Amino acid sequence: MKLIIQIPCYNEAATLGVTVADLPRHIDGIDEIEYLVIDDGSTDGTALRAKELGVHHIVGFPHNRGLAKGFMAGIDACLRLGADIIVNTDADNQYSGADIEKLVRPVLEGKANMVIGNRRTDGIAHFSPLKKRLQKLGSGVVRAASGTDVADTTSGFRSYSREAAMRLNVLSGYTYTLETIITAGADKNKILSVDISTNPELRESRLFKSVRSYIKRSAATIIRNYVMRRPLKTFLMIAAVFVLAALALGVRFIVLACMGDGAGHIQSLVLMAILAIVGIQMGVFGLLADAVSECRRVMDETLFHVKRIEYDNTNPNRTNYNVCSYTKEEIDKE
């Protein structure tokens, strides 16, 4: 059983040493533990620092492509390198390395194929009251959208079984945390939350420039993925609003007509007709979108089988992301 711990990095040379030193060297039930760093176009020598620290594998981008792209590049490399379980953690040492076993154990025991660490954000000292409220509100929205009970939906500290990792297809260019939960919920995957501890803050988060930007981009990600996964339900709900409004106007006109005042409210009939037409159109759009969604499910399933064939038969040294593996002997020669 092989575990690979991946660490997405963007200019993390200063904190990477602390993070790597805290990672586990042995976990019961795991035969091999390896580390993989995704250098997302860093300009501070992050890749060189990872090499000095003895990191087994390094994935390099020539320029910054964002967290979501870096995460998926790491997943791709881990699968090509034969990982049975993949753990994703942050390079700023936000998460405790000792808790990685908590993420791995449910996957080993077959209780889940995706485990997410719950930071219990209410107790994190360096989180502002506003950030804590937003985290709680956002997690509640994602739980409702995904049909899961994940406590901390924005936590990047998570583990995946090999099969779950093969099924990951992140379309967002911003972050993977929300999209993967909504997708996993729609696919009825086994997701488990476990309580974890966090370390003192070494640097401020660089994922978003402002709270407003974070809310805007997160909301767009949630809405987009919910509509993609449940299009018929979404469009039928919108259609129902228009149809009910049309019915209300129709009833109003009938009542007024019975009272002998219908001639003065012909505009209500016009508006009713417009609302009814829009409602019917929304229903038709829902049927079309549902057909497209079903096509995507077929494509995702086909892609999963293609990945399984490719990853299980690929040469571990071949990858599309410039995976560089360094042995300790090579490092000592530097």
Protein backbone atom coordinates (compact mmCIF):
# COMPACT_ATOMS: atom_id res chain seq x y z
CA MET A 1 0.00 0.00 0.00
CA LYS A 2 1.56 3.24 -1.18
CA LEU A 3 0.73 6.70 0.19
CA ILE A 4 1.83 9.88 -1.55
CA ILE A 5 1.45 13.19 0.27
CA GLN A 6 1.19 16.04 -2.19
CA ILE A 7 1.96 19.67 -1.34
CA PRO A 8 0.87 22.43 -3.75
CA CYS A 9 3.36 25.31 -3.51
CA TYR A 10 3.63 28.85 -4.78
CA ASN A 11 6.65 30.69 -3.36
CA GLU A 12 6.77 28.50 -0.24
CA ALA A 13 10.55 28.13 0.16
CA ALA A 14 10.43 29.80 3.59
CA THR A 15 7.79 27.46 5.10
CA LEU A 16 8.29 24.24 3.16
CA GLY A 17 11.00 22.94 5.50
CA VAL A 18 8.68 23.13 8.52
CA THR A 19 5.90 21.39 6.61
CA VAL A 20 8.06 18.52 5.32
CA ALA A 21 9.66 17.97 8.73
CA ASP A 22 6.19 17.50 10.24
CA LEU A 23 5.07 14.83 7.74
CA PRO A 24 4.83 11.22 8.96
CA ARG A 25 7.51 8.68 8.04
CA HIS A 26 5.46 5.62 9.02
CA ILE A 27 1.77 4.74 9.29
CA ASP A 28 0.51 1.29 10.21
CA GLY A 29 -0.95 -0.42 7.16
CA ILE A 30 1.08 1.69 4.73
CA ASP A 31 4.12 0.10 3.09
CA GLU A 32 5.52 3.20 1.37
CA ILE A 33 5.19 6.91 2.10
CA GLU A 34 6.45 9.42 -0.45
CA TYR A 35 6.19 13.20 -0.75
CA LEU A 36 5.36 15.18 -3.89
CA VAL A 37 5.68 18.95 -4.28
CA ILE A 38 3.78 20.86 -6.97
CA ASP A 39 5.81 23.97 -7.78
CA ASP A 40 3.23 26.28 -9.33
CA GLY A 41 5.59 28.68 -11.08
CA SER A 42 7.40 29.81 -7.91
CA THR A 43 10.11 32.45 -8.22
CA ASP A 44 11.71 31.99 -4.80
CA GLY A 45 13.46 28.66 -5.38
CA THR A 46 10.71 26.44 -3.96
CA ALA A 47 11.66 23.51 -6.21
CA LEU A 48 15.31 23.72 -5.18
CA ARG A 49 14.29 23.88 -1.52
CA ALA A 50 12.11 20.79 -1.99
CA LYS A 51 15.04 18.99 -3.57
CA GLU A 52 17.31 19.95 -0.65
CA LEU A 53 14.70 18.58 1.79
CA GLY A 54 14.74 15.18 0.08
CA VAL A 55 11.23 15.40 -1.37
CA HIS A 56 10.79 12.31 -3.54
CA HIS A 57 8.98 13.92 -6.48
CA ILE A 58 8.59 17.45 -7.83
CA VAL A 59 5.99 18.62 -10.35
CA GLY A 60 6.93 21.90 -12.00
CA PHE A 61 4.97 24.55 -13.92
CA PRO A 62 6.96 27.24 -15.79
CA HIS A 63 4.48 29.90 -14.60
CA ASN A 64 1.71 30.20 -12.04
CA ARG A 65 -1.48 28.43 -13.10
CA GLY A 66 -3.51 28.56 -9.88
CA LEU A 67 -4.40 26.23 -7.04
CA ALA A 68 -6.93 24.11 -8.95
CA LYS A 69 -4.53 23.38 -11.82
CA GLY A 70 -1.71 22.62 -9.40
CA PHE A 71 -3.90 20.27 -7.39
CA MET A 72 -4.96 18.29 -10.46
CA ALA A 73 -1.37 18.14 -11.74
CA GLY A 74 -0.39 16.60 -8.41
CA ILE A 75 -3.23 14.08 -8.55
CA ASP A 76 -2.17 13.09 -12.07
CA ALA A 77 1.45 12.63 -11.00
CA CYS A 78 0.52 10.67 -7.86
CA LEU A 79 -1.61 8.26 -9.86
CA ARG A 80 1.14 7.76 -12.43
CA LEU A 81 3.57 7.07 -9.60
CA GLY A 82 1.36 4.26 -8.30
CA ALA A 83 -0.28 5.88 -5.26
CA ASP A 84 -3.01 3.83 -3.60
CA ILE A 85 -3.93 6.73 -1.31
CA ILE A 86 -3.27 10.43 -1.89
CA VAL A 87 -3.22 13.07 0.84
CA ASN A 88 -3.28 16.76 0.00
CA THR A 89 -1.86 19.25 2.51
CA ASP A 90 -0.75 22.89 2.47
CA ALA A 91 2.83 24.12 2.32
CA ASP A 92 2.30 26.79 4.99
CA ASN A 93 2.15 24.14 7.74
CA GLN A 94 -1.46 25.04 8.56
CA TYR A 95 -2.25 21.37 9.18
CA SER A 96 -0.60 19.00 11.62
CA GLY A 97 1.31 16.15 9.98
CA ALA A 98 0.33 13.85 12.84
CA ASP A 99 -3.30 14.07 11.70
CA ILE A 100 -2.54 12.52 8.31
CA GLU A 101 -3.13 9.10 9.83
CA LYS A 102 -6.67 10.25 10.72
CA LEU A 103 -7.27 10.97 7.04
CA VAL A 104 -5.72 7.72 5.84
CA ARG A 105 -7.27 5.29 8.32
CA PRO A 106 -10.91 5.44 7.03
CA VAL A 107 -9.67 4.86 3.47
CA LEU A 108 -7.57 1.89 4.59
CA GLU A 109 -10.54 0.42 6.44
CA GLY A 110 -12.88 0.94 3.47
CA LYS A 111 -15.14 3.33 5.38
CA ALA A 112 -14.68 6.18 2.89
CA ASN A 113 -12.93 6.98 -0.36
CA MET A 114 -12.66 10.69 0.41
CA VAL A 115 -11.83 12.07 3.87
CA ILE A 116 -11.79 15.79 4.70
CA GLY A 117 -10.18 17.31 7.77
CA ASN A 118 -12.46 19.48 9.91
CA ARG A 119 -10.44 22.39 11.29
CA ARG A 120 -13.25 23.40 13.68
CA THR A 121 -12.79 26.99 12.53
CA ASP A 122 -14.62 28.47 15.53
CA GLY A 123 -11.56 27.68 17.63
CA ILE A 124 -8.84 28.99 15.28
CA ALA A 125 -7.33 32.06 16.96
CA HIS A 126 -6.03 33.83 13.85
CA PHE A 127 -9.41 33.60 12.04
CA SER A 128 -11.37 36.85 12.36
CA PRO A 129 -15.01 36.69 13.54
CA LEU A 130 -16.13 37.60 10.00
CA LYS A 131 -14.06 34.82 8.46
CA LYS A 132 -15.45 32.31 10.96
CA ARG A 133 -19.02 33.30 10.11
CA LEU A 134 -18.32 33.14 6.39
CA GLN A 135 -16.70 29.71 6.75
CA LYS A 136 -19.74 28.41 8.63
CA LEU A 137 -22.20 29.94 6.17
CA GLY A 138 -20.26 28.72 3.14
CA SER A 139 -19.96 25.20 4.50
CA GLY A 140 -23.70 25.12 5.13
CA VAL A 141 -24.44 26.19 1.55
CA VAL A 142 -22.07 23.57 0.11
CA ARG A 143 -23.59 20.85 2.31
CA ALA A 144 -27.03 21.75 1.00
CA ALA A 145 -25.80 21.87 -2.61
CA SER A 146 -23.88 18.59 -2.38
CA GLY A 147 -26.21 16.60 -0.14
CA THR A 148 -23.29 15.74 2.16
CA ASP A 149 -22.51 16.39 5.82
CA VAL A 150 -18.94 17.72 5.35
CA ALA A 151 -18.23 20.01 8.30
CA ASP A 152 -15.41 22.10 6.80
CA THR A 153 -15.90 22.31 3.05
CA THR A 154 -12.99 24.69 2.35
CA SER A 155 -10.41 22.53 4.10
CA GLY A 156 -7.61 21.49 1.74
CA PHE A 157 -6.43 18.78 4.14
CA ARG A 158 -7.98 15.67 2.64
CA SER A 159 -7.28 12.15 1.43
CA TYR A 160 -8.46 10.20 -1.60
CA SER A 161 -8.50 6.54 -2.49
CA ARG A 162 -6.97 5.68 -5.86
CA GLU A 163 -10.40 5.20 -7.44
CA ALA A 164 -11.76 8.46 -6.02
CA ALA A 165 -8.70 10.33 -7.32
CA MET A 166 -9.24 8.89 -10.80
CA ARG A 167 -12.79 10.24 -10.78
CA LEU A 168 -11.70 13.81 -10.03
CA ASN A 169 -12.32 16.28 -12.85
CA VAL A 170 -11.91 19.88 -11.71
CA LEU A 171 -13.13 22.51 -14.17
CA SER A 172 -12.71 25.55 -11.92
CA GLY A 173 -9.56 27.60 -12.36
CA TYR A 174 -9.88 29.03 -8.85
CA THR A 175 -10.07 26.28 -6.25
CA TYR A 176 -10.85 22.58 -6.12
CA THR A 177 -12.26 22.31 -2.58
CA LEU A 178 -15.90 23.20 -3.24
CA GLU A 179 -16.25 21.65 -6.69
CA THR A 180 -14.90 18.24 -5.65
CA ILE A 181 -17.37 18.01 -2.75
CA ILE A 182 -20.39 18.91 -4.89
CA THR A 183 -19.27 16.44 -7.54
CA ALA A 184 -18.62 13.69 -4.99
CA GLY A 185 -22.03 14.28 -3.42
CA ALA A 186 -23.77 14.06 -6.79
CA ASP A 187 -21.91 10.82 -7.54
CA LYS A 188 -22.87 9.36 -4.13
CA ASN A 189 -19.27 8.84 -3.06
CA LYS A 190 -18.44 7.92 0.52
CA ILE A 191 -17.21 11.14 2.16
CA LEU A 192 -16.16 11.35 5.79
CA SER A 193 -15.14 14.29 7.99
CA VAL A 194 -12.61 13.89 10.79
CA ASP A 195 -11.60 16.46 13.38
CA ILE A 196 -8.05 17.75 13.02
CA SER A 197 -5.85 20.31 14.73
CA THR A 198 -4.18 23.32 13.13
CA ASN A 199 -0.81 24.94 13.68
CA PRO A 200 -0.13 28.64 14.37
CA GLU A 201 -0.22 30.82 11.27
CA LEU A 202 3.14 31.25 9.51
CA ARG A 203 1.84 33.63 6.84
CA GLU A 204 -1.43 35.15 5.65
CA SER A 205 -3.55 33.28 3.14
CA ARG A 206 -2.85 34.17 -0.48
CA LEU A 207 -5.82 32.38 -2.04
CA PHE A 208 -7.98 35.49 -2.32
CA LYS A 209 -7.28 39.23 -2.32
CA SER A 210 -10.35 40.27 -0.33
CA VAL A 211 -13.40 38.85 1.41
CA ARG A 212 -15.61 40.26 -1.33
CA SER A 213 -13.55 38.53 -4.02
CA TYR A 214 -13.63 35.26 -2.08
CA ILE A 215 -17.43 35.35 -1.68
CA LYS A 216 -17.97 36.25 -5.33
CA ARG A 217 -15.75 33.50 -6.73
CA SER A 218 -16.92 30.86 -4.25
CA ALA A 219 -20.58 31.64 -4.95
CA ALA A 220 -19.96 31.38 -8.69
CA THR A 221 -18.26 28.01 -8.21
CA ILE A 222 -21.10 26.63 -6.06
CA ILE A 223 -23.88 27.82 -8.39
CA ARG A 224 -22.11 26.64 -11.53
CA ASN A 225 -21.41 23.15 -10.20
CA TYR A 226 -24.84 22.73 -8.63
CA VAL A 227 -26.55 23.63 -11.91
CA MET A 228 -24.22 21.34 -13.86
CA ARG A 229 -24.96 18.39 -11.57
CA ARG A 230 -28.67 19.02 -10.96
CA PRO A 231 -29.88 20.98 -14.01
CA LEU A 232 -33.41 19.57 -14.22
CA LYS A 233 -34.18 20.36 -10.58
CA THR A 234 -32.71 23.86 -10.93
CA PHE A 235 -34.60 24.83 -14.09
CA LEU A 236 -37.86 23.28 -12.90
CA MET A 237 -37.66 25.37 -9.72
CA ILE A 238 -37.17 28.50 -11.82
CA ALA A 239 -39.98 27.43 -14.15
CA ALA A 240 -42.29 26.88 -11.18
CA VAL A 241 -41.80 30.49 -10.04
CA PHE A 242 -42.90 31.86 -13.42
CA VAL A 243 -45.80 29.42 -13.81
CA LEU A 244 -47.11 30.13 -10.30
CA ALA A 245 -46.89 33.87 -10.97
CA ALA A 246 -48.82 33.34 -14.22
CA LEU A 247 -51.48 31.30 -12.40
CA ALA A 248 -51.80 33.99 -9.72
CA LEU A 249 -52.41 36.64 -12.38
CA GLY A 250 -54.88 34.35 -14.14
CA VAL A 251 -56.88 33.79 -10.95
CA ARG A 252 -56.81 37.51 -10.24
CA PHE A 253 -58.15 38.30 -13.70
CA ILE A 254 -60.94 35.72 -13.40
CA VAL A 255 -62.01 37.14 -10.04
CA LEU A 256 -62.04 40.67 -11.43
CA ALA A 257 -63.92 39.51 -14.53
CA CYS A 258 -66.59 37.87 -12.35
CA MET A 259 -66.95 41.20 -10.55
CA GLY A 260 -67.48 42.94 -13.88
CA ASP A 261 -64.08 44.70 -13.91
CA GLY A 262 -62.18 42.43 -16.31
CA ALA A 263 -62.03 44.85 -19.23
CA GLY A 264 -59.71 47.20 -17.35
CA HIS A 265 -57.14 44.51 -16.62
CA ILE A 266 -56.31 43.07 -20.04
CA GLN A 267 -52.62 43.87 -19.33
CA SER A 268 -52.75 41.19 -16.64
CA LEU A 269 -53.58 38.60 -19.32
CA VAL A 270 -50.64 39.79 -21.42
CA LEU A 271 -48.25 39.54 -18.48
CA MET A 272 -49.71 36.14 -17.55
CA ALA A 273 -49.06 34.85 -21.06
CA ILE A 274 -45.46 36.14 -20.98
CA LEU A 275 -44.78 34.54 -17.59
CA ALA A 276 -46.34 31.25 -18.71
CA ILE A 277 -44.23 31.17 -21.87
CA VAL A 278 -41.05 31.91 -19.92
CA GLY A 279 -41.95 29.21 -17.41
CA ILE A 280 -42.49 26.64 -20.17
CA GLN A 281 -39.19 27.67 -21.78
CA MET A 282 -37.38 27.20 -18.46
CA GLY A 283 -38.83 23.71 -18.23
CA VAL A 284 -37.66 22.89 -21.75
CA PHE A 285 -34.20 24.28 -20.95
CA GLY A 286 -34.17 22.00 -17.91
CA LEU A 287 -34.87 18.94 -20.03
CA LEU A 288 -32.13 19.91 -22.49
CA ALA A 289 -29.65 20.66 -19.70
CA ASP A 290 -30.49 17.34 -18.04
CA ALA A 291 -29.72 15.54 -21.30
CA VAL A 292 -26.37 17.36 -21.47
CA SER A 293 -25.69 16.45 -17.83
CA GLU A 294 -26.38 12.78 -18.56
CA CYS A 295 -23.94 12.97 -21.47
CA ARG A 296 -21.34 14.39 -19.10
CA ARG A 297 -21.92 11.54 -16.65
CA VAL A 298 -21.28 9.07 -19.46
CA MET A 299 -18.15 10.99 -20.47
CA ASP A 300 -16.92 11.08 -16.85
CA GLU A 301 -17.41 7.34 -16.55
CA THR A 302 -15.62 6.76 -19.84
CA LEU A 303 -12.78 9.05 -18.75
CA PHE A 304 -12.51 7.11 -15.48
CA HIS A 305 -12.01 3.82 -17.33
CA VAL A 306 -9.50 5.44 -19.70
CA LYS A 307 -7.59 6.80 -16.71
CA ARG A 308 -7.59 3.41 -15.03
CA ILE A 309 -6.11 1.81 -18.12
CA GLU A 310 -3.56 4.57 -18.58
CA TYR A 311 -2.45 4.96 -14.95
CA ASP A 312 -2.27 1.25 -14.25
CA ASN A 313 -0.10 0.64 -17.31
CA THR A 314 1.88 3.84 -17.55
CA ASN A 315 5.62 4.16 -17.07
CA PRO A 316 6.06 5.95 -13.71
CA ASN A 317 8.80 8.10 -15.22
CA ARG A 318 6.50 9.46 -17.94
CA THR A 319 4.20 12.39 -17.21
CA ASN A 320 2.85 15.52 -18.82
CA TYR A 321 3.88 17.69 -15.89
CA ASN A 322 7.65 17.34 -15.73
CA VAL A 323 7.75 15.10 -12.67
CA CYS A 324 11.31 15.07 -11.39
CA SER A 325 12.25 12.37 -8.91
CA TYR A 326 15.41 12.80 -6.87
CA THR A 327 17.15 10.06 -4.91
CA LYS A 328 19.08 10.84 -1.76
CA GLU A 329 22.31 9.95 -3.58
CA GLU A 330 21.59 12.59 -6.23
CA ILE A 331 20.82 15.17 -3.58
CA ASP A 332 24.05 14.42 -1.74
CA LYS A 333 26.01 15.08 -4.92
CA GLU A 334 24.56 18.56 -5.30
